[in-house]
N, C-alpha and C. Protein backbone atom coordinates (compact mmCIF):
# COMPACT_ATOMS: atom_id res chain seq x y z
N UNK A 1 0.27 -1.28 0.05
CA UNK A 1 -0.22 0.20 -0.18
C UNK A 1 0.63 1.28 -0.30
N UNK A 2 1.04 2.47 -0.97
CA UNK A 2 0.62 3.79 -0.58
C UNK A 2 0.46 3.92 0.20
N UNK A 3 2.23 4.68 0.83
CA UNK A 3 2.62 5.26 2.31
C UNK A 3 1.39 6.34 2.66
N UNK A 4 1.36 7.61 1.37
CA UNK A 4 0.66 8.44 1.69
C UNK A 4 -0.51 7.90 1.49
N UNK A 5 -1.28 6.91 0.86
CA UNK A 5 -2.73 6.68 1.23
C UNK A 5 -2.27 5.86 2.34
N UNK A 6 -2.25 5.58 3.11
CA UNK A 6 -2.10 5.39 4.35
C UNK A 6 -2.21 6.26 5.37
N UNK A 7 -1.19 6.73 5.22
CA UNK A 7 -1.56 8.18 6.04
C UNK A 7 -2.99 8.21 6.14
N UNK A 8 -3.35 9.04 5.11
CA UNK A 8 -4.69 9.42 4.74
C UNK A 8 -5.80 9.33 5.68
N UNK A 9 -5.40 7.67 5.16
CA UNK A 9 -6.61 6.19 5.76
C UNK A 9 -7.04 6.57 7.17
N UNK A 10 -5.30 6.92 7.80
CA UNK A 10 -5.61 6.19 9.25
C UNK A 10 -5.98 7.33 10.31
N UNK A 11 -6.07 8.51 9.35
CA UNK A 11 -5.55 10.00 10.10
C UNK A 11 -7.62 10.16 10.17
N UNK A 12 -8.57 10.12 8.37
CA UNK A 12 -8.95 10.62 8.36
C UNK A 12 -9.81 8.83 9.56
N UNK A 13 -9.74 8.01 9.52
CA UNK A 13 -10.92 7.31 9.95
C UNK A 13 -10.56 7.45 11.84
N UNK A 14 -9.79 9.01 12.26
CA UNK A 14 -9.93 9.56 13.65
C UNK A 14 -9.93 10.28 13.74
N UNK A 15 -10.31 11.20 12.56
CA UNK A 15 -10.74 12.53 12.71
C UNK A 15 -12.31 12.49 12.52
N UNK A 16 -12.58 11.04 11.84
CA UNK A 16 -14.21 10.60 11.27
C UNK A 16 -14.61 9.72 12.67
N UNK A 17 -14.26 9.72 13.62
CA UNK A 17 -14.64 8.32 14.37
C UNK A 17 -14.20 9.84 16.11
N UNK A 18 -14.04 9.57 16.83
CA UNK A 18 -12.97 9.90 18.17
C UNK A 18 -12.75 11.36 18.00
N UNK A 19 -11.86 11.42 17.10
CA UNK A 19 -11.13 12.85 16.66
C UNK A 19 -10.17 13.15 17.61
N UNK A 20 -9.63 11.98 17.88
CA UNK A 20 -8.72 11.81 19.15
C UNK A 20 -6.80 11.84 18.84
N UNK A 21 -6.99 14.09 18.77
CA UNK A 21 -5.60 14.90 19.06
C UNK A 21 -4.56 13.27 19.30
N UNK A 22 -4.76 13.39 19.94
CA UNK A 22 -3.20 12.61 21.09
C UNK A 22 -2.44 11.12 20.36
N UNK A 23 -4.10 10.44 19.99
CA UNK A 23 -3.91 9.48 18.67
C UNK A 23 -3.72 9.80 17.58
N UNK A 24 -3.42 10.58 16.83
CA UNK A 24 -3.07 11.71 15.89
C UNK A 24 -2.17 11.63 16.16
N UNK A 25 -1.41 12.20 17.09
CA UNK A 25 -0.07 12.32 17.81
C UNK A 25 0.28 11.15 17.49
N UNK A 26 0.25 10.31 18.12
CA UNK A 26 0.57 8.75 18.21
C UNK A 26 1.13 8.79 16.66
N UNK A 27 0.53 8.87 16.09
CA UNK A 27 0.23 7.87 14.59
C UNK A 27 1.93 8.70 13.55
N UNK A 28 1.39 10.18 13.99
CA UNK A 28 2.74 10.91 13.20
C UNK A 28 3.97 10.81 13.69
N UNK A 29 4.13 10.45 15.28
CA UNK A 29 5.57 10.18 15.69
C UNK A 29 6.06 9.03 15.95
N UNK A 30 5.31 8.12 15.65
CA UNK A 30 5.40 7.24 14.34
C UNK A 30 6.54 6.61 13.02
N UNK A 31 5.51 7.57 12.49
CA UNK A 31 5.64 7.65 10.66
C UNK A 31 7.09 8.36 11.54
N UNK A 32 6.98 9.98 11.76
CA UNK A 32 8.69 10.25 11.99
C UNK A 32 9.29 9.52 12.05
N UNK A 33 9.15 8.34 12.84
CA UNK A 33 10.15 6.99 13.34
C UNK A 33 10.42 6.76 12.85
N UNK A 34 10.09 6.20 11.64
CA UNK A 34 9.62 4.94 11.10
C UNK A 34 11.51 5.56 9.62
N UNK A 35 11.20 7.18 9.49
CA UNK A 35 11.74 7.61 8.63
C UNK A 35 10.84 8.11 7.61
N UNK A 36 9.54 8.63 7.55
CA UNK A 36 9.25 9.40 6.47
C UNK A 36 9.22 11.02 7.42
N UNK A 37 10.08 11.79 6.01
CA UNK A 37 9.58 13.20 6.40
C UNK A 37 8.87 13.79 7.36
N UNK A 38 8.45 14.90 8.16
CA UNK A 38 7.67 16.07 8.31
C UNK A 38 7.04 16.18 6.67
N UNK A 39 7.99 16.97 6.13
CA UNK A 39 7.91 17.19 4.96
C UNK A 39 6.50 16.81 4.45
N UNK A 40 6.85 14.79 4.09
CA UNK A 40 5.60 14.49 3.61
C UNK A 40 4.30 14.20 4.43
N UNK A 41 5.44 13.42 5.53
CA UNK A 41 3.30 14.01 6.24
C UNK A 41 2.36 15.31 5.96
N UNK A 42 2.71 16.33 6.56
CA UNK A 42 1.75 18.19 5.80
C UNK A 42 1.58 17.68 4.50
N UNK A 43 3.12 17.09 3.46
CA UNK A 43 2.10 17.24 1.96
C UNK A 43 0.80 16.16 2.07
N UNK A 44 0.95 15.01 2.82
CA UNK A 44 0.06 13.93 2.58
C UNK A 44 -1.59 14.44 3.24
N UNK A 45 -0.98 15.07 4.96
CA UNK A 45 -2.11 15.61 5.37
C UNK A 45 -2.93 17.01 4.61
N UNK A 46 -2.50 17.75 4.45
CA UNK A 46 -2.19 18.80 3.21
C UNK A 46 -3.26 18.66 2.03
N UNK A 47 -2.98 17.71 1.52
CA UNK A 47 -3.90 17.10 0.54
C UNK A 47 -5.34 16.78 0.48
N UNK A 48 -5.16 15.57 1.85
CA UNK A 48 -5.88 15.10 2.79
C UNK A 48 -6.52 15.91 3.05
N UNK A 49 -7.23 17.56 3.50
CA UNK A 49 -7.56 18.61 3.68
C UNK A 49 -8.31 18.78 2.53
N UNK A 50 -7.60 19.11 1.72
CA UNK A 50 -8.05 19.92 0.72
C UNK A 50 -9.27 18.61 -0.58
N UNK A 51 -8.97 17.47 -0.11
CA UNK A 51 -10.37 16.21 -0.41
C UNK A 51 -10.75 16.62 0.11
N UNK A 52 -11.46 17.11 1.96
CA UNK A 52 -12.75 16.49 2.66
C UNK A 52 -12.89 18.47 2.31
N UNK A 53 -12.95 19.52 1.16
CA UNK A 53 -12.70 20.62 1.29
C UNK A 53 -14.10 20.71 -0.09
N UNK A 54 -13.12 19.68 -0.75
CA UNK A 54 -14.14 19.19 -2.14
C UNK A 54 -15.25 18.63 -1.51
N UNK A 55 -15.71 18.56 -0.69
CA UNK A 55 -16.05 17.06 -0.63
C UNK A 55 -16.89 18.02 0.68
N UNK A 56 -17.04 18.72 0.35
CA UNK A 56 -17.63 20.10 1.51
C UNK A 56 -18.03 19.42 3.02
N UNK A 57 -16.56 18.99 3.37
CA UNK A 57 -17.39 17.78 4.78
C UNK A 57 -16.35 19.48 6.04
N UNK A 58 -16.24 20.62 6.30
CA UNK A 58 -15.93 21.66 6.83
C UNK A 58 -15.47 20.13 8.27
N UNK A 59 -16.10 20.42 8.78
CA UNK A 59 -15.74 20.84 10.31
C UNK A 59 -15.29 18.90 10.16
N UNK A 60 -14.51 18.21 9.68
CA UNK A 60 -13.67 17.88 8.94
C UNK A 60 -12.50 17.99 8.30
N UNK A 61 -12.92 19.11 7.71
CA UNK A 61 -11.56 19.84 7.10
C UNK A 61 -11.17 20.86 7.99
N UNK A 62 -11.36 21.53 9.40
CA UNK A 62 -10.98 21.96 10.59
C UNK A 62 -10.42 20.92 11.47
N UNK A 63 -10.07 20.12 11.62
CA UNK A 63 -9.93 19.20 12.44
C UNK A 63 -8.79 18.35 11.79
N UNK A 64 -8.52 18.48 9.98
CA UNK A 64 -6.96 18.20 9.83
C UNK A 64 -6.10 19.04 10.03
N UNK A 65 -6.72 20.39 9.68
CA UNK A 65 -5.66 21.75 9.74
C UNK A 65 -5.15 21.99 11.24
N UNK A 66 -6.29 21.24 12.49
CA UNK A 66 -5.81 21.14 13.82
C UNK A 66 -4.19 20.45 13.53
N UNK A 67 -4.71 19.66 13.06
CA UNK A 67 -3.49 18.58 13.01
C UNK A 67 -2.46 18.93 12.47
N UNK A 68 -2.51 19.91 10.68
CA UNK A 68 -1.30 20.28 10.70
C UNK A 68 -0.26 21.66 10.87
N UNK A 69 -1.13 22.70 12.02
CA UNK A 69 -0.83 23.28 12.67
C UNK A 69 -0.01 22.79 13.81
N UNK A 70 -0.24 21.65 15.15
CA UNK A 70 0.42 21.12 15.74
C UNK A 70 2.02 20.12 15.09
N UNK A 71 1.59 19.29 14.01
CA UNK A 71 2.30 19.14 13.02
C UNK A 71 3.87 20.16 12.56
N UNK A 72 3.13 20.98 12.43
CA UNK A 72 4.27 22.52 11.88
C UNK A 72 4.53 23.64 12.64
N UNK A 73 3.66 22.76 14.13
CA UNK A 73 4.58 24.77 15.17
C UNK A 73 3.76 25.13 15.15
N UNK A 74 3.15 25.32 14.78
CA UNK A 74 2.40 27.06 14.58
C UNK A 74 1.58 27.49 15.90
């Protein structure tokens, strides 16, 4: 499976379910520990956010934006 697809799928599953940002952060930290660069994670999450915007899912889009803010340190 494409790593990008897996990243988007797992983050989306949490967003649609519990919105547990600690769980998402743990996933992101794990992927970085496996050698996936933060830039790739940002790209994948940005793509996911844009997909959600195109689907008119503003609440989910906002949740992904919050994850991006944490990841990029805003």
